Amino acid sequence: MGFLDRFTRDSEEDGNTDFFESDIKPEAPKPPKEPLPPVDDPSYWERDESEWEHLKPHRRGMVVAWTAAAVVIAGLVVGFYLRFFSPYVDDAVEYGYIEHIEHRGTLFRTYEGVMIPYRELHDTTRVYRRDFVFSAADTEVATRLKRFELSHCPVRVSYRQYHATLPWRGSSKIIVTAVDSVDAATILPPGFRPEYVP
């Protein structure tokens, strides 16, 4: 005797209704709805309105809603790109001494550095205002910056500046993309140029 036979026999003995063998007949299929006449047909306006008609979304409203959503999403994408990925200063140059460069970070490890700018160092008319704080674009640039830091040579750095920072790009809005050595005699004002005795 199988499980199904035992289950049927037990349910008959208990007097319980077997829910798998019900007298309920399936519903008859609904007749297909008649297609609506076009809007320019007078019978379209003479038909009886369904009690649920007001709950149906209007096609024009849906088109407007989807268009507005697409415009908002496109605006957000463009704004995000301009804020985080499009530099507003490109191919700029700064001269000075590398004070220090270090590899730091918890999840994203980046190269962060500080440079003392020449124009701030040799301007005797104003109080020293700020250091040039930057992030290195990659390991190669950071290695070159470290060499110049240890040699105490003046450098010229090329950089880009963004509106906002990204964790994997660095903690500074200024990203140094290239670094070269420079002769101090060519960039200092005449009163501060070193004199070389032959």
Protein backbone atom coordinates (compact mmCIF):
# COMPACT_ATOMS: atom_id res chain seq x y z
CA MET A 1 0.00 0.00 0.00
CA GLY A 2 1.43 3.33 -1.04
CA PHE A 3 1.59 6.55 0.89
CA LEU A 4 -1.21 8.14 -1.14
CA ASP A 5 -3.58 5.19 -0.51
CA ARG A 6 -2.88 5.30 3.23
CA PHE A 7 -3.44 9.08 3.28
CA THR A 8 -6.78 8.71 1.45
CA ARG A 9 -7.93 5.88 3.71
CA ASP A 10 -6.95 7.77 6.89
CA SER A 11 -8.80 10.89 5.77
CA GLU A 12 -11.95 8.87 4.98
CA GLU A 13 -11.87 7.18 8.39
CA ASP A 14 -11.41 10.50 10.23
CA GLY A 15 -14.28 12.10 8.33
CA ASN A 16 -12.03 14.97 7.22
CA THR A 17 -12.44 16.57 3.86
CA ASP A 18 -9.82 15.70 1.30
CA PHE A 19 -8.73 19.04 -0.10
CA PHE A 20 -7.09 17.42 -3.08
CA GLU A 21 -10.37 15.97 -4.33
CA SER A 22 -12.70 18.93 -4.28
CA ASP A 23 -16.03 19.42 -6.03
CA ILE A 24 -15.09 23.00 -6.95
CA LYS A 25 -14.99 23.38 -10.69
CA PRO A 26 -12.53 25.75 -12.35
CA GLU A 27 -13.86 29.10 -13.44
CA ALA A 28 -15.06 29.41 -16.96
CA PRO A 29 -12.69 31.47 -19.12
CA LYS A 30 -13.71 35.08 -19.48
CA PRO A 31 -14.78 36.20 -22.90
CA PRO A 32 -12.18 38.34 -24.68
CA LYS A 33 -12.64 42.08 -24.36
CA GLU A 34 -13.82 43.98 -27.36
CA PRO A 35 -11.13 46.26 -28.74
CA LEU A 36 -11.68 49.94 -28.08
CA PRO A 37 -12.55 52.07 -31.08
CA PRO A 38 -10.01 54.74 -32.08
CA VAL A 39 -10.26 58.15 -30.39
CA ASP A 40 -11.42 59.91 -33.56
CA ASP A 41 -14.41 57.52 -33.78
CA PRO A 42 -17.58 59.04 -32.18
CA SER A 43 -18.47 55.69 -30.59
CA TYR A 44 -15.29 55.98 -28.46
CA TRP A 45 -16.88 58.81 -26.50
CA GLU A 46 -20.32 57.17 -26.27
CA ARG A 47 -19.15 53.97 -24.61
CA ASP A 48 -19.78 53.32 -20.90
CA GLU A 49 -16.77 54.10 -18.75
CA SER A 50 -15.57 51.30 -16.52
CA GLU A 51 -15.55 51.88 -12.78
CA TRP A 52 -11.80 51.14 -12.86
CA GLU A 53 -11.05 53.42 -15.80
CA HIS A 54 -9.75 56.24 -13.61
CA LEU A 55 -7.09 53.95 -12.12
CA LYS A 56 -5.49 53.07 -15.46
CA PRO A 57 -2.31 55.03 -16.15
CA HIS A 58 -2.60 57.35 -19.11
CA ARG A 59 -0.14 56.69 -21.91
CA ARG A 60 0.82 60.33 -22.25
CA GLY A 61 1.49 60.62 -18.51
CA MET A 62 3.69 57.53 -18.60
CA VAL A 63 5.69 58.92 -21.52
CA VAL A 64 6.20 62.21 -19.67
CA ALA A 65 7.21 60.39 -16.46
CA TRP A 66 9.73 58.14 -18.24
CA THR A 67 11.17 61.10 -20.18
CA ALA A 68 11.57 63.11 -16.97
CA ALA A 69 13.23 60.15 -15.24
CA ALA A 70 15.64 59.69 -18.16
CA VAL A 71 16.55 63.40 -18.13
CA VAL A 72 17.16 63.34 -14.36
CA ILE A 73 19.33 60.20 -14.59
CA ALA A 74 21.33 61.67 -17.50
CA GLY A 75 21.83 64.89 -15.52
CA LEU A 76 23.06 62.95 -12.49
CA VAL A 77 25.50 60.93 -14.62
CA VAL A 78 26.89 64.07 -16.29
CA GLY A 79 27.15 65.89 -12.95
CA PHE A 80 28.92 62.92 -11.34
CA TYR A 81 31.38 62.74 -14.25
CA LEU A 82 32.15 66.47 -14.16
CA ARG A 83 32.56 66.45 -10.37
CA PHE A 84 34.78 63.38 -9.99
CA PHE A 85 36.39 62.50 -13.34
CA SER A 86 36.81 65.71 -15.34
CA PRO A 87 39.73 67.91 -14.15
CA TYR A 88 39.06 71.63 -14.10
CA VAL A 89 42.83 72.38 -14.08
CA ASP A 90 44.89 70.37 -16.55
CA ASP A 91 48.61 70.40 -17.43
CA ALA A 92 49.45 72.95 -14.74
CA VAL A 93 53.03 73.34 -13.48
CA GLU A 94 54.50 74.10 -10.05
CA TYR A 95 58.13 74.53 -8.95
CA GLY A 96 59.60 73.80 -5.55
CA TYR A 97 61.19 71.32 -3.15
CA ILE A 98 59.62 68.00 -2.22
CA GLU A 99 59.23 68.03 1.55
CA HIS A 100 58.01 64.45 1.86
CA ILE A 101 56.16 61.71 0.03
CA GLU A 102 54.60 58.67 1.68
CA HIS A 103 52.52 55.61 0.86
CA ARG A 104 49.42 55.62 3.05
CA GLY A 105 45.83 54.47 3.29
CA THR A 106 43.75 51.69 4.81
CA LEU A 107 41.64 50.21 2.03
CA PHE A 108 43.08 52.17 -0.90
CA ARG A 109 46.80 52.84 -0.54
CA THR A 110 47.95 55.94 -2.39
CA TYR A 111 51.05 58.11 -2.53
CA GLU A 112 50.59 61.45 -0.77
CA GLY A 113 53.15 64.24 -0.70
CA VAL A 114 53.90 67.84 0.21
CA MET A 115 55.99 70.30 -1.79
CA ILE A 116 57.26 73.73 -0.71
CA PRO A 117 56.56 76.04 -3.68
CA TYR A 118 59.26 78.47 -4.82
CA ARG A 119 56.90 81.40 -5.12
CA GLU A 120 55.84 80.96 -1.50
CA LEU A 121 59.37 80.36 -0.26
CA HIS A 122 60.96 83.42 -1.83
CA ASP A 123 58.13 85.94 -1.56
CA THR A 124 59.31 88.31 1.19
CA THR A 125 56.32 90.67 0.91
CA ARG A 126 53.73 88.18 2.19
CA VAL A 127 53.55 85.67 5.00
CA TYR A 128 53.99 82.05 3.95
CA ARG A 129 50.51 80.83 3.11
CA ARG A 130 50.42 77.18 2.21
CA ASP A 131 52.25 74.04 1.12
CA PHE A 132 51.51 72.32 -2.16
CA VAL A 133 49.73 69.13 -1.03
CA PHE A 134 49.26 66.48 -3.72
CA SER A 135 48.71 62.81 -4.59
CA ALA A 136 50.93 60.96 -7.05
CA ALA A 137 49.26 59.52 -10.15
CA ASP A 138 51.13 56.19 -9.99
CA THR A 139 54.07 54.32 -8.47
CA GLU A 140 56.54 55.49 -11.11
CA VAL A 141 55.84 59.17 -10.42
CA ALA A 142 55.98 58.52 -6.65
CA THR A 143 59.39 56.82 -6.99
CA ARG A 144 60.79 59.82 -8.90
CA LEU A 145 59.36 62.20 -6.31
CA LYS A 146 61.02 60.18 -3.51
CA ARG A 147 64.40 60.42 -5.26
CA PHE A 148 64.08 64.20 -5.50
CA GLU A 149 63.05 64.39 -1.85
CA LEU A 150 66.20 62.52 -0.78
CA SER A 151 68.48 64.54 -3.07
CA HIS A 152 67.01 67.92 -1.99
CA CYS A 153 66.92 69.08 -5.60
CA PRO A 154 64.38 71.58 -6.94
CA VAL A 155 61.72 70.06 -9.16
CA ARG A 156 59.04 70.98 -11.61
CA VAL A 157 55.81 68.98 -11.29
CA SER A 158 52.93 68.77 -13.77
CA TYR A 159 49.54 68.22 -12.21
CA ARG A 160 45.78 68.03 -12.67
CA GLN A 161 43.24 69.38 -10.22
CA TYR A 162 39.74 67.95 -9.71
CA HIS A 163 36.64 69.30 -7.97
CA ALA A 164 36.49 66.33 -5.56
CA THR A 165 38.57 63.39 -4.37
CA LEU A 166 38.10 59.66 -4.94
CA PRO A 167 39.47 57.09 -2.46
CA TRP A 168 41.49 55.15 -5.06
CA ARG A 169 42.90 58.34 -6.62
CA GLY A 170 44.23 59.85 -3.39
CA SER A 171 43.23 62.13 -0.54
CA SER A 172 44.09 65.32 -2.45
CA LYS A 173 42.32 67.06 -5.30
CA ILE A 174 45.72 67.73 -6.92
CA ILE A 175 47.21 64.75 -8.81
CA VAL A 176 50.85 65.00 -9.89
CA THR A 177 51.29 63.31 -13.26
CA ALA A 178 54.96 64.07 -14.05
CA VAL A 179 58.09 65.38 -12.32
CA ASP A 180 61.43 66.68 -13.66
CA SER A 181 64.53 68.24 -12.17
CA VAL A 182 65.09 71.94 -12.73
CA ASP A 183 67.99 74.38 -12.40
CA ALA A 184 67.34 76.72 -9.46
CA ALA A 185 69.16 79.56 -11.27
CA THR A 186 66.52 79.62 -14.01
CA ILE A 187 63.44 79.86 -11.82
CA LEU A 188 64.49 82.04 -8.88
CA PRO A 189 64.19 85.84 -8.92
CA PRO A 190 67.49 87.64 -9.67
CA GLY A 191 68.13 88.51 -6.01
CA PHE A 192 67.83 84.87 -4.93
CA ARG A 193 69.77 83.12 -7.70
CA PRO A 194 72.78 81.20 -6.41
CA GLU A 195 76.19 82.41 -7.58
CA TYR A 196 78.50 79.74 -8.86
CA VAL A 197 82.19 80.40 -8.42
CA PRO A 198 84.30 78.65 -11.09
